[in-house]
PDB file of N, CA and C in Angstrom:
ATOM      1  N   MET A   1      14.980  13.025  17.518  1.00  0.00           N
ATOM      2  CA  MET A   1      14.322  12.355  17.501  1.00  0.00           C
ATOM      3  C   MET A   1      13.993  12.803  15.323  1.00  0.00           C
ATOM      4  N   ALA A   2      14.721  12.126  15.019  1.00  0.00           N
ATOM      5  CA  ALA A   2      14.848  12.077  13.650  1.00  0.00           C
ATOM      6  C   ALA A   2      13.351  11.651  12.809  1.00  0.00           C
ATOM      7  N   ARG A   3      13.315  13.158  11.769  1.00  0.00           N
ATOM      8  CA  ARG A   3      11.611  13.304  11.139  1.00  0.00           C
ATOM      9  C   ARG A   3      11.279  12.052   9.827  1.00  0.00           C
ATOM     10  N   GLN A   4       9.796  12.026  10.285  1.00  0.00           N
ATOM     11  CA  GLN A   4       9.355  10.366   9.866  1.00  0.00           C
ATOM     12  C   GLN A   4       9.547  11.023   8.141  1.00  0.00           C
ATOM     13  N   LYS A   5       9.271   9.933   7.799  1.00  0.00           N
ATOM     14  CA  LYS A   5       8.585  11.330   5.843  1.00  0.00           C
ATOM     15  C   LYS A   5       7.493  10.045   6.002  1.00  0.00           C
ATOM     16  N   LYS A   6       6.460  10.582   5.374  1.00  0.00           N
ATOM     17  CA  LYS A   6       5.024  10.137   5.150  1.00  0.00           C
ATOM     18  C   LYS A   6       4.537  10.628   3.555  1.00  0.00           C
ATOM     19  N   ARG A   7       4.523   9.171   2.906  1.00  0.00           N
ATOM     20  CA  ARG A   7       3.794   9.977   1.911  1.00  0.00           C
ATOM     21  C   ARG A   7       2.571   9.045   1.772  1.00  0.00           C
ATOM     22  N   PHE A   8       1.683   9.740   0.810  1.00  0.00           N
ATOM     23  CA  PHE A   8       0.422   9.406   0.035  1.00  0.00           C
ATOM     24  C   PHE A   8      -0.114   8.540   0.100  1.00  0.00           C
ATOM     25  N   ILE A   9      -1.025   7.977   0.556  1.00  0.00           N
ATOM     26  CA  ILE A   9      -1.233   6.565  -1.156  1.00  0.00           C
ATOM     27  C   ILE A   9      -2.398   7.435  -1.809  1.00  0.00           C
ATOM     28  N   ALA A  10      -1.603   7.417  -3.224  1.00  0.00           N
ATOM     29  CA  ALA A  10      -3.343   8.166  -4.407  1.00  0.00           C
ATOM     30  C   ALA A  10      -4.457   6.869  -4.282  1.00  0.00           C
ATOM     31  N   GLY A  11      -5.439   7.479  -4.322  1.00  0.00           N
ATOM     32  CA  GLY A  11      -5.804   6.287  -5.365  1.00  0.00           C
ATOM     33  C   GLY A  11      -6.733   5.743  -4.068  1.00  0.00           C
ATOM     34  N   ALA A  12      -5.914   5.258  -2.978  1.00  0.00           N
ATOM     35  CA  ALA A  12      -6.236   4.745  -2.223  1.00  0.00           C
ATOM     36  C   ALA A  12      -7.316   4.809  -1.183  1.00  0.00           C
ATOM     37  N   THR A  13      -8.516   4.089  -0.376  1.00  0.00           N
ATOM     38  CA  THR A  13      -9.435   4.499   0.283  1.00  0.00           C
ATOM     39  C   THR A  13      -9.907   3.336   1.871  1.00  0.00           C
ATOM     40  N   CYS A  14      -9.671   4.443   2.404  1.00  0.00           N
ATOM     41  CA  CYS A  14      -9.666   3.676   3.523  1.00  0.00           C
ATOM     42  C   CYS A  14     -11.370   2.577   4.240  1.00  0.00           C
ATOM     43  N   PRO A  15     -10.490   2.047   4.955  1.00  0.00           N
ATOM     44  CA  PRO A  15     -11.596   0.655   5.070  1.00  0.00           C
ATOM     45  C   PRO A  15     -12.252   1.575   5.535  1.00  0.00           C
ATOM     46  N   LYS A  16     -11.950   1.430   6.755  1.00  0.00           N
ATOM     47  CA  LYS A  16     -12.817   2.338   8.042  1.00  0.00           C
ATOM     48  C   LYS A  16     -14.440   3.355   7.871  1.00  0.00           C
ATOM     49  N   CYS A  17     -13.793   4.628   6.988  1.00  0.00           N
ATOM     50  CA  CYS A  17     -14.666   5.227   6.833  1.00  0.00           C
ATOM     51  C   CYS A  17     -14.543   5.822   5.111  1.00  0.00           C
ATOM     52  N   LYS A  18     -13.678   4.989   4.423  1.00  0.00           N
ATOM     53  CA  LYS A  18     -14.620   5.664   3.087  1.00  0.00           C
ATOM     54  C   LYS A  18     -13.724   6.253   2.431  1.00  0.00           C
ATOM     55  N   ALA A  19     -13.426   7.026   2.861  1.00  0.00           N
ATOM     56  CA  ALA A  19     -12.791   8.186   2.336  1.00  0.00           C
ATOM     57  C   ALA A  19     -11.142   8.296   1.980  1.00  0.00           C
ATOM     58  N   MET A  20     -11.329   8.408   0.387  1.00  0.00           N
ATOM     59  CA  MET A  20     -10.186   8.051  -1.104  1.00  0.00           C
ATOM     60  C   MET A  20      -9.119   9.433  -0.082  1.00  0.00           C
ATOM     61  N   ASP A  21      -7.952   9.112  -0.771  1.00  0.00           N
ATOM     62  CA  ASP A  21      -7.176   9.927  -0.623  1.00  0.00           C
ATOM     63  C   ASP A  21      -6.861  11.239   0.379  1.00  0.00           C
ATOM     64  N   THR A  22      -7.597   9.258   1.307  1.00  0.00           N
ATOM     65  CA  THR A  22      -6.466  10.331   3.056  1.00  0.00           C
ATOM     66  C   THR A  22      -5.639   9.168   3.865  1.00  0.00           C
ATOM     67  N   LEU A  23      -4.876   8.159   3.338  1.00  0.00           N
ATOM     68  CA  LEU A  23      -4.189   7.371   3.568  1.00  0.00           C
ATOM     69  C   LEU A  23      -3.154   7.706   4.148  1.00  0.00           C
ATOM     70  N   MET A  24      -2.064   7.665   4.900  1.00  0.00           N
ATOM     71  CA  MET A  24      -0.593   7.516   4.517  1.00  0.00           C
ATOM     72  C   MET A  24       0.022   6.866   5.089  1.00  0.00           C
ATOM     73  N   LEU A  25       1.490   6.682   4.603  1.00  0.00           N
ATOM     74  CA  LEU A  25       2.277   5.800   4.308  1.00  0.00           C
ATOM     75  C   LEU A  25       3.561   6.602   5.339  1.00  0.00           C
ATOM     76  N   PHE A  26       3.813   4.862   6.465  1.00  0.00           N
ATOM     77  CA  PHE A  26       5.518   5.420   7.209  1.00  0.00           C
ATOM     78  C   PHE A  26       5.678   4.137   7.976  1.00  0.00           C
ATOM     79  N   LEU A  27       7.324   4.648   8.102  1.00  0.00           N
ATOM     80  CA  LEU A  27       7.948   3.645   9.277  1.00  0.00           C
ATOM     81  C   LEU A  27       8.104   3.937  10.558  1.00  0.00           C
ATOM     82  N   GLU A  28       7.662   2.906  11.318  1.00  0.00           N
ATOM     83  CA  GLU A  28       7.539   2.438  12.752  1.00  0.00           C
ATOM     84  C   GLU A  28       8.097   1.437  13.422  1.00  0.00           C
ATOM     85  N   ASN A  29       9.350   1.772  13.897  1.00  0.00           N
ATOM     86  CA  ASN A  29      10.162   0.428  13.997  1.00  0.00           C
ATOM     87  C   ASN A  29      10.908  -0.728  13.486  1.00  0.00           C
ATOM     88  N   ASP A  30      10.950   0.035  12.078  1.00  0.00           N
ATOM     89  CA  ASP A  30      11.567  -0.827  10.589  1.00  0.00           C
ATOM     90  C   ASP A  30      10.224  -1.347  10.575  1.00  0.00           C
ATOM     91  N   VAL A  31       8.978  -0.732  10.410  1.00  0.00           N
ATOM     92  CA  VAL A  31       7.345  -1.674  10.027  1.00  0.00           C
ATOM     93  C   VAL A  31       6.697  -0.903   9.085  1.00  0.00           C
ATOM     94  N   GLU A  32       6.305  -0.707   8.593  1.00  0.00           N
ATOM     95  CA  GLU A  32       5.286   0.025   7.513  1.00  0.00           C
ATOM     96  C   GLU A  32       3.398   0.496   7.764  1.00  0.00           C
ATOM     97  N   GLN A  33       3.388   1.670   8.288  1.00  0.00           N
ATOM     98  CA  GLN A  33       2.489   1.504   8.904  1.00  0.00           C
ATOM     99  C   GLN A  33       1.129   2.522   7.958  1.00  0.00           C
ATOM    100  N   VAL A  34       0.505   2.490   8.152  1.00  0.00           N
ATOM    101  CA  VAL A  34      -0.423   2.915   7.372  1.00  0.00           C
ATOM    102  C   VAL A  34      -2.006   3.465   7.874  1.00  0.00           C
ATOM    103  N   GLU A  35      -2.024   4.627   7.688  1.00  0.00           N
ATOM    104  CA  GLU A  35      -3.167   6.215   8.990  1.00  0.00           C
ATOM    105  C   GLU A  35      -3.756   6.736   8.024  1.00  0.00           C
ATOM    106  N   CYS A  36      -5.164   6.820   8.107  1.00  0.00           N
ATOM    107  CA  CYS A  36      -6.360   7.471   7.537  1.00  0.00           C
ATOM    108  C   CYS A  36      -6.051   8.621   8.537  1.00  0.00           C
ATOM    109  N   VAL A  37      -5.829   9.560   7.851  1.00  0.00           N
ATOM    110  CA  VAL A  37      -5.954  11.600   8.118  1.00  0.00           C
ATOM    111  C   VAL A  37      -6.948  12.096   8.531  1.00  0.00           C
ATOM    112  N   GLU A  38      -8.899  11.812   8.029  1.00  0.00           N
ATOM    113  CA  GLU A  38      -9.419  11.573   8.459  1.00  0.00           C
ATOM    114  C   GLU A  38     -10.218  11.228   9.781  1.00  0.00           C
ATOM    115  N   CYS A  39      -9.842  10.277   9.955  1.00  0.00           N
ATOM    116  CA  CYS A  39     -10.591   9.313  11.233  1.00  0.00           C
ATOM    117  C   CYS A  39      -9.872   8.905  12.134  1.00  0.00           C
ATOM    118  N   LYS A  40      -7.951   8.768  11.502  1.00  0.00           N
ATOM    119  CA  LYS A  40      -6.972   7.881  12.932  1.00  0.00           C
ATOM    120  C   LYS A  40      -6.486   6.215  12.222  1.00  0.00           C
ATOM    121  N   HIS A  41      -7.863   5.929  11.499  1.00  0.00           N
ATOM    122  CA  HIS A  41      -7.895   4.864  11.816  1.00  0.00           C
ATOM    123  C   HIS A  41      -6.413   4.098  11.174  1.00  0.00           C
ATOM    124  N   ARG A  42      -5.473   3.302  11.350  1.00  0.00           N
ATOM    125  CA  ARG A  42      -4.284   2.707  11.431  1.00  0.00           C
ATOM    126  C   ARG A  42      -4.478   1.879  11.677  1.00  0.00           C
ATOM    127  N   PHE A  43      -3.048   1.001  10.649  1.00  0.00           N
ATOM    128  CA  PHE A  43      -3.276  -0.766  10.403  1.00  0.00           C
ATOM    129  C   PHE A  43      -1.807  -0.651  10.105  1.00  0.00           C
ATOM    130  N   SER A  44      -1.854  -1.890  10.125  1.00  0.00           N
ATOM    131  CA  SER A  44      -0.247  -2.281   9.117  1.00  0.00           C
ATOM    132  C   SER A  44      -0.388  -3.588   8.272  1.00  0.00           C
ATOM    133  N   GLU A  45       0.649  -4.238   7.098  1.00  0.00           N
ATOM    134  CA  GLU A  45       0.461  -5.105   6.891  1.00  0.00           C
ATOM    135  C   GLU A  45       1.598  -6.203   7.123  1.00  0.00           C
ATOM    136  N   PRO A  46       1.096  -7.686   7.313  1.00  0.00           N
ATOM    137  CA  PRO A  46       3.007  -8.019   7.819  1.00  0.00           C
ATOM    138  C   PRO A  46       3.449  -8.316   6.894  1.00  0.00           C
ATOM    139  N   LYS A  47       4.883  -8.471   6.203  1.00  0.00           N
ATOM    140  CA  LYS A  47       5.582  -8.546   5.546  1.00  0.00           C
ATOM    141  C   LYS A  47       5.106  -9.815   4.881  1.00  0.00           C
ATOM    142  N   GLU A  48       4.295 -11.186   5.591  1.00  0.00           N
ATOM    143  CA  GLU A  48       3.965 -12.278   4.882  1.00  0.00           C
ATOM    144  C   GLU A  48       2.764 -12.474   3.946  1.00  0.00           C
ATOM    145  N   GLN A  49       2.390 -10.870   4.460  1.00  0.00           N
ATOM    146  CA  GLN A  49       0.979 -11.224   4.244  1.00  0.00           C
ATOM    147  C   GLN A  49       0.836 -10.527   1.975  1.00  0.00           C
ATOM    148  N   GLY A  50       1.737  -9.005   2.052  1.00  0.00           N
ATOM    149  CA  GLY A  50       1.740  -8.331   0.980  1.00  0.00           C
ATOM    150  C   GLY A  50       2.585  -9.154   0.128  1.00  0.00           C
ATOM    151  N   GLY A  51       2.812  -7.935  -0.857  1.00  0.00           N
ATOM    152  CA  GLY A  51       4.330  -8.074  -1.210  1.00  0.00           C
ATOM    153  C   GLY A  51       3.711  -8.737  -3.315  1.00  0.00           C
ATOM    154  N   GLY A  52       4.275  -9.908  -3.219  1.00  0.00           N
ATOM    155  CA  GLY A  52       4.361 -10.640  -4.637  1.00  0.00           C
ATOM    156  C   GLY A  52       2.821 -10.382  -5.823  1.00  0.00           C
ATOM    157  N   SER A  53       3.155 -11.165  -6.338  1.00  0.00           N
ATOM    158  CA  SER A  53       1.834 -11.477  -7.566  1.00  0.00           C
ATOM    159  C   SER A  53       2.495 -12.719  -7.783  1.00  0.00           C
ATOM    160  N   GLN A  54       1.074 -13.288  -8.260  1.00  0.00           N
ATOM    161  CA  GLN A  54       0.731 -14.699  -8.747  1.00  0.00           C
ATOM    162  C   GLN A  54       0.652 -14.577 -10.201  1.00  0.00           C
ATOM    163  N   ARG A  55       0.501 -13.922 -10.561  1.00  0.00           N
ATOM    164  CA  ARG A  55       0.081 -13.773 -12.140  1.00  0.00           C
ATOM    165  C   ARG A  55       1.015 -14.638 -13.395  1.00  0.00           C
ATOM    166  N   GLN A  56       0.660 -15.796 -13.968  1.00  0.00           N
ATOM    167  CA  GLN A  56       1.482 -16.463 -15.041  1.00  0.00           C
ATOM    168  C   GLN A  56       2.813 -15.626 -15.361  1.00  0.00           C
ATOM    169  N   PHE A  57       2.404 -14.444 -16.055  1.00  0.00           N
ATOM    170  CA  PHE A  57       3.256 -13.470 -16.726  1.00  0.00           C
ATOM    171  C   PHE A  57       3.791 -12.706 -15.716  1.00  0.00           C
ATOM    172  N   ASP A  58       4.146 -12.306 -14.856  1.00  0.00           N
ATOM    173  CA  ASP A  58       4.379 -10.944 -14.894  1.00  0.00           C
ATOM    174  C   ASP A  58       5.378 -10.429 -14.962  1.00  0.00           C
ATOM    175  N   GLN A  59       6.947 -10.886 -14.704  1.00  0.00           N
ATOM    176  CA  GLN A  59       8.017 -10.543 -15.064  1.00  0.00           C
ATOM    177  C   GLN A  59       7.943 -10.384 -17.324  1.00  0.00           C
ATOM    178  N   VAL A  60       6.767 -10.768 -17.753  1.00  0.00           N
ATOM    179  CA  VAL A  60       6.699 -10.403 -19.855  1.00  0.00           C
ATOM    180  C   VAL A  60       6.050  -9.549 -19.731  1.00  0.00           C
ATOM    181  N   ILE A  61       6.750  -8.678 -20.811  1.00  0.00           N
ATOM    182  CA  ILE A  61       6.699  -7.694 -21.451  1.00  0.00           C
ATOM    183  C   ILE A  61       5.263  -8.002 -22.651  1.00  0.00           C
ATOM    184  N   GLY A  62       4.956  -8.613 -23.263  1.00  0.00           N
ATOM    185  CA  GLY A  62       3.799  -9.268 -23.623  1.00  0.00           C
ATOM    186  C   GLY A  62       3.526 -10.931 -24.293  1.00  0.00           C
ATOM    187  N   VAL A  63       2.879 -11.100 -24.500  1.00  0.00           N
ATOM    188  CA  VAL A  63       2.799 -12.836 -24.963  1.00  0.00           C
ATOM    189  C   VAL A  63       1.783 -12.662 -26.648  1.00  0.00           C
ATOM    190  N   PHE A  64       2.676 -13.386 -27.196  1.00  0.00           N
ATOM    191  CA  PHE A  64       2.061 -13.303 -29.018  1.00  0.00           C
ATOM    192  C   PHE A  64       1.659 -14.745 -28.343  1.00  0.00           C
ATOM    193  N   LYS A  65       0.633 -14.204 -29.210  1.00  0.00           N
ATOM    194  CA  LYS A  65      -0.307 -15.669 -29.704  1.00  0.00           C
ATOM    195  C   LYS A  65      -0.716 -15.416 -31.337  1.00  0.00           C
ATOM    196  N   PRO A  66      -0.128 -16.466 -32.361  1.00  0.00           N
ATOM    197  CA  PRO A  66      -0.892 -16.470 -33.273  1.00  0.00           C
ATOM    198  C   PRO A  66      -1.995 -16.724 -33.658  1.00  0.00           C
ATOM    199  N   GLU A  67      -3.161 -17.018 -34.391  1.00  0.00           N
ATOM    200  CA  GLU A  67      -3.745 -17.177 -34.965  1.00  0.00           C
ATOM    201  C   GLU A  67      -3.775 -17.600 -35.987  1.00  0.00           C
TER     202      GLU A  67
END
């Protein structure tokens, strides 16, 4: 079996136990899974839910507004 690459998510808080910096992200069957190393709570985010930003100027470096 191939070794899985697991990454910790800096600054993230577990939704169950509220511990900070305990969530690790890894791929399982081509689906991103998140697991808390403290309480073992595990969840995944569906592809259609996450991802894009809805901000108006998301790709713009700066917006010039003369006064």
